[in-house]
Amino acid sequence: MNYRYSDYSIEQLHREIGVLKEKAQKAEQLGNVSEVQINERKMQVALAYTMHPGDFSAEEKYQLKMEPGFTFKINYINGVFAWGHRINLLEEMYEKEEALPISLLGKKVKK
């Protein structure tokens, strides 16, 4: 069994995403919020490995799929993670740099 998503084939990644989705749904039915969040996060990371990091660029802003109104300005890409800063509705950039799987990034924001 593989333990690193980078070692998975696209087919294995899609299977894993399906398994994680099922686990998240079962956890939700049981009211286990933290387990839902863990499985959703793993799902986003697995999904990121099915995408092309080259589709995202440093110094560009992207919509955040799970957080309407928020954008994310990329400082750099490392593997399938975008490192940068969250920006709120008031265009205020958060001080803390964070890494997000590229699967959480939506459309590029036009300047």
C-alpha atoms as a PDB file:
ATOM      1  CA  MET A   1       0.000   0.000   0.000  1.00  0.00           C
ATOM      2  CA  ASN A   2       1.244   3.494  -0.848  1.00  0.00           C
ATOM      3  CA  TYR A   3       1.345   6.105   1.865  1.00  0.00           C
ATOM      4  CA  ARG A   4       2.379   9.141  -0.179  1.00  0.00           C
ATOM      5  CA  TYR A   5      -0.075  10.629  -2.653  1.00  0.00           C
ATOM      6  CA  SER A   6       2.873  11.608  -4.852  1.00  0.00           C
ATOM      7  CA  ASP A   7       3.448   7.866  -5.436  1.00  0.00           C
ATOM      8  CA  TYR A   8      -0.178   7.197  -6.465  1.00  0.00           C
ATOM      9  CA  SER A   9      -1.372   6.847 -10.059  1.00  0.00           C
ATOM     10  CA  ILE A  10      -4.279   9.048 -11.192  1.00  0.00           C
ATOM     11  CA  GLU A  11      -6.602   6.016 -10.901  1.00  0.00           C
ATOM     12  CA  GLN A  12      -5.408   5.325  -7.337  1.00  0.00           C
ATOM     13  CA  LEU A  13      -5.897   8.989  -6.436  1.00  0.00           C
ATOM     14  CA  HIS A  14      -9.481   8.950  -7.734  1.00  0.00           C
ATOM     15  CA  ARG A  15     -10.182   5.748  -5.778  1.00  0.00           C
ATOM     16  CA  GLU A  16      -8.673   7.287  -2.635  1.00  0.00           C
ATOM     17  CA  ILE A  17     -10.778  10.452  -3.091  1.00  0.00           C
ATOM     18  CA  GLY A  18     -13.895   8.242  -3.304  1.00  0.00           C
ATOM     19  CA  VAL A  19     -12.929   6.350  -0.128  1.00  0.00           C
ATOM     20  CA  LEU A  20     -12.246   9.600   1.740  1.00  0.00           C
ATOM     21  CA  LYS A  21     -15.564  11.053   0.555  1.00  0.00           C
ATOM     22  CA  GLU A  22     -17.382   7.988   1.937  1.00  0.00           C
ATOM     23  CA  LYS A  23     -15.525   8.250   5.246  1.00  0.00           C
ATOM     24  CA  ALA A  24     -16.413  11.950   5.498  1.00  0.00           C
ATOM     25  CA  GLN A  25     -20.095  11.227   4.780  1.00  0.00           C
ATOM     26  CA  LYS A  26     -20.201   8.448   7.414  1.00  0.00           C
ATOM     27  CA  ALA A  27     -18.481  10.698   9.967  1.00  0.00           C
ATOM     28  CA  GLU A  28     -20.988  13.460   9.168  1.00  0.00           C
ATOM     29  CA  GLN A  29     -23.910  11.075   9.753  1.00  0.00           C
ATOM     30  CA  LEU A  30     -22.376  10.189  13.116  1.00  0.00           C
ATOM     31  CA  GLY A  31     -21.915  13.875  13.959  1.00  0.00           C
ATOM     32  CA  ASN A  32     -18.110  13.575  14.163  1.00  0.00           C
ATOM     33  CA  VAL A  33     -17.164  17.045  12.900  1.00  0.00           C
ATOM     34  CA  SER A  34     -13.397  16.725  13.365  1.00  0.00           C
ATOM     35  CA  GLU A  35     -13.285  13.442  11.429  1.00  0.00           C
ATOM     36  CA  VAL A  36     -15.288  15.068   8.623  1.00  0.00           C
ATOM     37  CA  GLN A  37     -12.740  17.909   8.466  1.00  0.00           C
ATOM     38  CA  ILE A  38      -9.759  15.526   8.495  1.00  0.00           C
ATOM     39  CA  ASN A  39     -11.166  13.441   5.633  1.00  0.00           C
ATOM     40  CA  GLU A  40     -12.125  16.537   3.622  1.00  0.00           C
ATOM     41  CA  ARG A  41      -8.603  17.921   4.052  1.00  0.00           C
ATOM     42  CA  LYS A  42      -7.038  14.613   2.932  1.00  0.00           C
ATOM     43  CA  MET A  43      -9.436  14.618  -0.016  1.00  0.00           C
ATOM     44  CA  GLN A  44      -8.271  18.122  -1.049  1.00  0.00           C
ATOM     45  CA  VAL A  45      -4.614  17.067  -0.863  1.00  0.00           C
ATOM     46  CA  ALA A  46      -5.282  13.908  -2.933  1.00  0.00           C
ATOM     47  CA  LEU A  47      -7.233  16.028  -5.430  1.00  0.00           C
ATOM     48  CA  ALA A  48      -4.306  18.471  -5.656  1.00  0.00           C
ATOM     49  CA  TYR A  49      -2.128  15.604  -6.941  1.00  0.00           C
ATOM     50  CA  THR A  50      -4.524  15.198  -9.904  1.00  0.00           C
ATOM     51  CA  MET A  51      -3.893  18.838 -10.916  1.00  0.00           C
ATOM     52  CA  HIS A  52      -1.034  20.698 -12.614  1.00  0.00           C
ATOM     53  CA  PRO A  53       0.918  23.070 -10.327  1.00  0.00           C
ATOM     54  CA  GLY A  54       2.085  24.891 -13.474  1.00  0.00           C
ATOM     55  CA  ASP A  55      -1.469  26.211 -13.912  1.00  0.00           C
ATOM     56  CA  PHE A  56      -0.874  28.516 -10.924  1.00  0.00           C
ATOM     57  CA  SER A  57       1.533  31.450 -10.766  1.00  0.00           C
ATOM     58  CA  ALA A  58       3.401  33.301  -8.030  1.00  0.00           C
ATOM     59  CA  GLU A  59       2.292  36.891  -7.391  1.00  0.00           C
ATOM     60  CA  GLU A  60      -1.207  36.113  -8.725  1.00  0.00           C
ATOM     61  CA  LYS A  61      -4.438  36.100  -6.719  1.00  0.00           C
ATOM     62  CA  TYR A  62      -6.966  33.264  -6.880  1.00  0.00           C
ATOM     63  CA  GLN A  63     -10.451  32.833  -5.482  1.00  0.00           C
ATOM     64  CA  LEU A  64     -10.736  30.385  -2.584  1.00  0.00           C
ATOM     65  CA  LYS A  65     -13.235  27.672  -3.522  1.00  0.00           C
ATOM     66  CA  MET A  66     -14.431  26.932   0.017  1.00  0.00           C
ATOM     67  CA  GLU A  67     -14.510  30.549   1.188  1.00  0.00           C
ATOM     68  CA  PRO A  68     -16.527  32.888  -1.040  1.00  0.00           C
ATOM     69  CA  GLY A  69     -15.225  36.451  -0.937  1.00  0.00           C
ATOM     70  CA  PHE A  70     -11.732  35.415   0.127  1.00  0.00           C
ATOM     71  CA  THR A  71      -8.789  35.341  -2.247  1.00  0.00           C
ATOM     72  CA  PHE A  72      -5.295  33.922  -1.918  1.00  0.00           C
ATOM     73  CA  LYS A  73      -2.128  35.598  -3.195  1.00  0.00           C
ATOM     74  CA  ILE A  74       0.550  33.057  -4.073  1.00  0.00           C
ATOM     75  CA  ASN A  75       4.139  33.737  -3.044  1.00  0.00           C
ATOM     76  CA  TYR A  76       5.427  30.474  -4.498  1.00  0.00           C
ATOM     77  CA  ILE A  77       4.407  26.936  -5.429  1.00  0.00           C
ATOM     78  CA  ASN A  78       6.065  23.941  -3.746  1.00  0.00           C
ATOM     79  CA  GLY A  79       4.820  20.656  -5.204  1.00  0.00           C
ATOM     80  CA  VAL A  80       1.018  20.739  -5.087  1.00  0.00           C
ATOM     81  CA  PHE A  81       0.917  23.408  -2.375  1.00  0.00           C
ATOM     82  CA  ALA A  82       0.591  27.147  -2.906  1.00  0.00           C
ATOM     83  CA  TRP A  83       2.327  29.217  -0.239  1.00  0.00           C
ATOM     84  CA  GLY A  84       0.978  32.694   0.274  1.00  0.00           C
ATOM     85  CA  HIS A  85      -1.496  34.909   2.085  1.00  0.00           C
ATOM     86  CA  ARG A  86      -5.267  34.936   2.453  1.00  0.00           C
ATOM     87  CA  ILE A  87      -7.010  38.222   1.587  1.00  0.00           C
ATOM     88  CA  ASN A  88     -10.438  39.121   3.001  1.00  0.00           C
ATOM     89  CA  LEU A  89     -13.376  41.003   1.455  1.00  0.00           C
ATOM     90  CA  LEU A  90     -11.855  44.339   2.502  1.00  0.00           C
ATOM     91  CA  GLU A  91      -8.658  43.501   0.567  1.00  0.00           C
ATOM     92  CA  GLU A  92      -6.775  43.112   3.865  1.00  0.00           C
ATOM     93  CA  MET A  93      -3.943  40.602   3.567  1.00  0.00           C
ATOM     94  CA  TYR A  94      -3.460  38.241   6.511  1.00  0.00           C
ATOM     95  CA  GLU A  95      -0.003  38.495   8.050  1.00  0.00           C
ATOM     96  CA  LYS A  96       0.546  34.741   8.439  1.00  0.00           C
ATOM     97  CA  GLU A  97       1.883  32.871   5.408  1.00  0.00           C
ATOM     98  CA  GLU A  98       0.184  29.518   4.885  1.00  0.00           C
ATOM     99  CA  ALA A  99       0.253  26.581   2.499  1.00  0.00           C
ATOM    100  CA  LEU A 100      -2.918  25.434   0.743  1.00  0.00           C
ATOM    101  CA  PRO A 101      -3.367  22.490  -1.617  1.00  0.00           C
ATOM    102  CA  ILE A 102      -3.842  23.911  -5.136  1.00  0.00           C
ATOM    103  CA  SER A 103      -7.193  22.083  -5.267  1.00  0.00           C
ATOM    104  CA  LEU A 104      -8.611  24.807  -2.977  1.00  0.00           C
ATOM    105  CA  LEU A 105      -7.772  27.555  -5.465  1.00  0.00           C
ATOM    106  CA  GLY A 106     -10.404  28.704  -7.910  1.00  0.00           C
ATOM    107  CA  LYS A 107     -10.295  31.166 -10.783  1.00  0.00           C
ATOM    108  CA  LYS A 108      -7.499  33.704 -11.103  1.00  0.00           C
ATOM    109  CA  VAL A 109      -8.615  37.167  -9.970  1.00  0.00           C
ATOM    110  CA  LYS A 110      -8.293  39.776 -12.699  1.00  0.00           C
ATOM    111  CA  LYS A 111      -6.258  42.820 -11.756  1.00  0.00           C
END
